Amino acid sequence: MSFVKVAEASEIGPGEMRKVDLGGEEVLVANVEGAFHAIRNRCTHQGGDLSAGKMEGKVVTCPRHGSRFDVTTGKALSGPKILLLRLSTDDEPTYEVKVEEGSILLRTR
């Protein structure tokens, strides 16, 4: 396993997120108060594009059915809301992140 550059730190400001490619995998990189975190970009419910969702603090909400994930841990905070039901969903896989010389690096699997 090695680290691969996926973006410049200056491209993702505090409170922002961005979809990046890691060897064919879509990964969501988020800047939470100056610290970078990475989770898989596809919702564990039905594969919604998390980068098209909304991030508040350290929580990203899937635009498809509203599942919510903590971008710092990958933990599913709430599942999709369909009609009046709130279903469960799985946690998101996380990726090890480091920043070197202004570059965001993710560990490959």
C-alpha atoms as a PDB file:
ATOM      1  CA  MET A   1       0.000   0.000   0.000  1.00  0.00           C
ATOM      2  CA  SER A   2       1.204   3.449  -0.844  1.00  0.00           C
ATOM      3  CA  PHE A   3      -0.032   7.016  -0.782  1.00  0.00           C
ATOM      4  CA  VAL A   4      -1.287   8.729  -3.937  1.00  0.00           C
ATOM      5  CA  LYS A   5      -1.767  12.452  -4.518  1.00  0.00           C
ATOM      6  CA  VAL A   6      -5.432  13.230  -5.222  1.00  0.00           C
ATOM      7  CA  ALA A   7      -5.641  17.035  -4.847  1.00  0.00           C
ATOM      8  CA  GLU A   8      -3.970  20.178  -3.603  1.00  0.00           C
ATOM      9  CA  ALA A   9      -4.965  21.191  -0.085  1.00  0.00           C
ATOM     10  CA  SER A  10      -5.646  24.724  -1.340  1.00  0.00           C
ATOM     11  CA  GLU A  11      -8.399  23.364  -3.632  1.00  0.00           C
ATOM     12  CA  ILE A  12     -10.640  22.227  -0.742  1.00  0.00           C
ATOM     13  CA  GLY A  13     -11.290  24.997   1.769  1.00  0.00           C
ATOM     14  CA  PRO A  14     -12.658  24.543   5.302  1.00  0.00           C
ATOM     15  CA  GLY A  15     -16.250  23.282   5.163  1.00  0.00           C
ATOM     16  CA  GLU A  16     -15.852  22.080   1.573  1.00  0.00           C
ATOM     17  CA  MET A  17     -15.725  18.624   0.023  1.00  0.00           C
ATOM     18  CA  ARG A  18     -14.687  17.211  -3.320  1.00  0.00           C
ATOM     19  CA  LYS A  19     -14.941  13.927  -5.219  1.00  0.00           C
ATOM     20  CA  VAL A  20     -11.553  12.512  -6.246  1.00  0.00           C
ATOM     21  CA  ASP A  21     -10.427   9.404  -8.098  1.00  0.00           C
ATOM     22  CA  LEU A  22      -8.230   6.901  -6.283  1.00  0.00           C
ATOM     23  CA  GLY A  23      -7.289   4.199  -8.785  1.00  0.00           C
ATOM     24  CA  GLY A  24     -10.827   3.938 -10.155  1.00  0.00           C
ATOM     25  CA  GLU A  25     -12.557   4.379  -6.782  1.00  0.00           C
ATOM     26  CA  GLU A  26     -14.647   7.482  -6.102  1.00  0.00           C
ATOM     27  CA  VAL A  27     -13.588   9.004  -2.793  1.00  0.00           C
ATOM     28  CA  LEU A  28     -15.022  12.027  -0.995  1.00  0.00           C
ATOM     29  CA  VAL A  29     -12.367  14.277   0.561  1.00  0.00           C
ATOM     30  CA  ALA A  30     -13.700  16.762   3.105  1.00  0.00           C
ATOM     31  CA  ASN A  31     -12.024  19.615   4.943  1.00  0.00           C
ATOM     32  CA  VAL A  32     -13.372  19.813   8.500  1.00  0.00           C
ATOM     33  CA  GLU A  33     -11.915  22.819  10.310  1.00  0.00           C
ATOM     34  CA  GLY A  34      -8.606  22.493   8.429  1.00  0.00           C
ATOM     35  CA  ALA A  35      -8.259  18.707   8.816  1.00  0.00           C
ATOM     36  CA  PHE A  36      -8.790  16.480   5.783  1.00  0.00           C
ATOM     37  CA  HIS A  37     -10.836  13.281   5.921  1.00  0.00           C
ATOM     38  CA  ALA A  38     -11.833  10.764   3.242  1.00  0.00           C
ATOM     39  CA  ILE A  39     -14.706   8.307   2.886  1.00  0.00           C
ATOM     40  CA  ARG A  40     -16.126   6.386  -0.059  1.00  0.00           C
ATOM     41  CA  ASN A  41     -18.169   8.754  -2.232  1.00  0.00           C
ATOM     42  CA  ARG A  42     -21.101   6.409  -2.873  1.00  0.00           C
ATOM     43  CA  CYS A  43     -23.890   6.164  -0.291  1.00  0.00           C
ATOM     44  CA  THR A  44     -24.186   2.719   1.262  1.00  0.00           C
ATOM     45  CA  HIS A  45     -27.960   2.800   0.756  1.00  0.00           C
ATOM     46  CA  GLN A  46     -28.344   3.014  -3.036  1.00  0.00           C
ATOM     47  CA  GLY A  47     -25.076   4.478  -4.278  1.00  0.00           C
ATOM     48  CA  GLY A  48     -25.997   8.168  -4.231  1.00  0.00           C
ATOM     49  CA  ASP A  49     -23.181  10.601  -5.062  1.00  0.00           C
ATOM     50  CA  LEU A  50     -22.254  12.086  -1.680  1.00  0.00           C
ATOM     51  CA  SER A  51     -20.219  14.870  -3.291  1.00  0.00           C
ATOM     52  CA  ALA A  52     -23.518  16.200  -4.710  1.00  0.00           C
ATOM     53  CA  GLY A  53     -24.967  16.320  -1.204  1.00  0.00           C
ATOM     54  CA  LYS A  54     -24.678  18.918   1.520  1.00  0.00           C
ATOM     55  CA  MET A  55     -22.019  19.066   4.220  1.00  0.00           C
ATOM     56  CA  GLU A  56     -22.703  20.754   7.551  1.00  0.00           C
ATOM     57  CA  GLY A  57     -19.854  20.618  10.038  1.00  0.00           C
ATOM     58  CA  LYS A  58     -18.573  17.073   9.775  1.00  0.00           C
ATOM     59  CA  VAL A  59     -21.821  15.556   8.463  1.00  0.00           C
ATOM     60  CA  VAL A  60     -22.574  14.920   4.786  1.00  0.00           C
ATOM     61  CA  THR A  61     -26.150  14.223   3.685  1.00  0.00           C
ATOM     62  CA  CYS A  62     -26.819  12.071   0.631  1.00  0.00           C
ATOM     63  CA  PRO A  63     -28.874  13.997  -1.924  1.00  0.00           C
ATOM     64  CA  ARG A  64     -30.832  10.914  -2.946  1.00  0.00           C
ATOM     65  CA  HIS A  65     -32.650   9.780   0.229  1.00  0.00           C
ATOM     66  CA  GLY A  66     -31.057  11.773   3.044  1.00  0.00           C
ATOM     67  CA  SER A  67     -28.711   9.251   4.682  1.00  0.00           C
ATOM     68  CA  ARG A  68     -26.211  11.110   6.873  1.00  0.00           C
ATOM     69  CA  PHE A  69     -22.562  10.206   7.475  1.00  0.00           C
ATOM     70  CA  ASP A  70     -19.795  11.545   9.705  1.00  0.00           C
ATOM     71  CA  VAL A  71     -16.968  12.292   7.254  1.00  0.00           C
ATOM     72  CA  THR A  72     -14.359  12.017  10.028  1.00  0.00           C
ATOM     73  CA  THR A  73     -15.234   8.406  10.911  1.00  0.00           C
ATOM     74  CA  GLY A  74     -17.451   7.093   8.095  1.00  0.00           C
ATOM     75  CA  LYS A  75     -20.124   6.287  10.685  1.00  0.00           C
ATOM     76  CA  ALA A  76     -23.719   6.256   9.406  1.00  0.00           C
ATOM     77  CA  LEU A  77     -25.596   8.712  11.627  1.00  0.00           C
ATOM     78  CA  SER A  78     -29.016   8.078  10.092  1.00  0.00           C
ATOM     79  CA  GLY A  79     -30.306   6.015   7.224  1.00  0.00           C
ATOM     80  CA  PRO A  80     -32.466   7.007   4.298  1.00  0.00           C
ATOM     81  CA  LYS A  81     -35.830   8.609   4.899  1.00  0.00           C
ATOM     82  CA  ILE A  82     -38.504   7.149   2.656  1.00  0.00           C
ATOM     83  CA  LEU A  83     -41.995   8.480   3.260  1.00  0.00           C
ATOM     84  CA  LEU A  84     -42.316   8.470   7.057  1.00  0.00           C
ATOM     85  CA  LEU A  85     -39.767   5.712   7.642  1.00  0.00           C
ATOM     86  CA  ARG A  86     -36.123   6.169   8.591  1.00  0.00           C
ATOM     87  CA  LEU A  87     -34.202   3.032   7.512  1.00  0.00           C
ATOM     88  CA  SER A  88     -30.765   1.915   8.609  1.00  0.00           C
ATOM     89  CA  THR A  89     -27.687   1.895   6.407  1.00  0.00           C
ATOM     90  CA  ASP A  90     -24.082   0.774   6.680  1.00  0.00           C
ATOM     91  CA  ASP A  91     -21.071   2.878   7.620  1.00  0.00           C
ATOM     92  CA  GLU A  92     -18.829   4.253   4.873  1.00  0.00           C
ATOM     93  CA  PRO A  93     -15.298   2.920   4.440  1.00  0.00           C
ATOM     94  CA  THR A  94     -12.632   5.478   5.339  1.00  0.00           C
ATOM     95  CA  TYR A  95      -9.244   6.207   3.782  1.00  0.00           C
ATOM     96  CA  GLU A  96      -6.051   7.251   5.509  1.00  0.00           C
ATOM     97  CA  VAL A  97      -5.181  10.852   4.601  1.00  0.00           C
ATOM     98  CA  LYS A  98      -2.000  12.831   4.945  1.00  0.00           C
ATOM     99  CA  VAL A  99      -0.938  16.239   3.689  1.00  0.00           C
ATOM    100  CA  GLU A 100       2.611  16.788   2.483  1.00  0.00           C
ATOM    101  CA  GLU A 101       3.947  19.982   0.945  1.00  0.00           C
ATOM    102  CA  GLY A 102       0.401  21.192   0.217  1.00  0.00           C
ATOM    103  CA  SER A 103      -0.724  17.954  -1.453  1.00  0.00           C
ATOM    104  CA  ILE A 104      -3.529  15.699  -0.170  1.00  0.00           C
ATOM    105  CA  LEU A 105      -2.445  12.065  -0.267  1.00  0.00           C
ATOM    106  CA  LEU A 106      -4.661   8.998   0.244  1.00  0.00           C
ATOM    107  CA  ARG A 107      -3.468   5.503   1.085  1.00  0.00           C
ATOM    108  CA  THR A 108      -4.348   2.964  -1.605  1.00  0.00           C
ATOM    109  CA  ARG A 109      -5.855  -0.393  -0.681  1.00  0.00           C
END
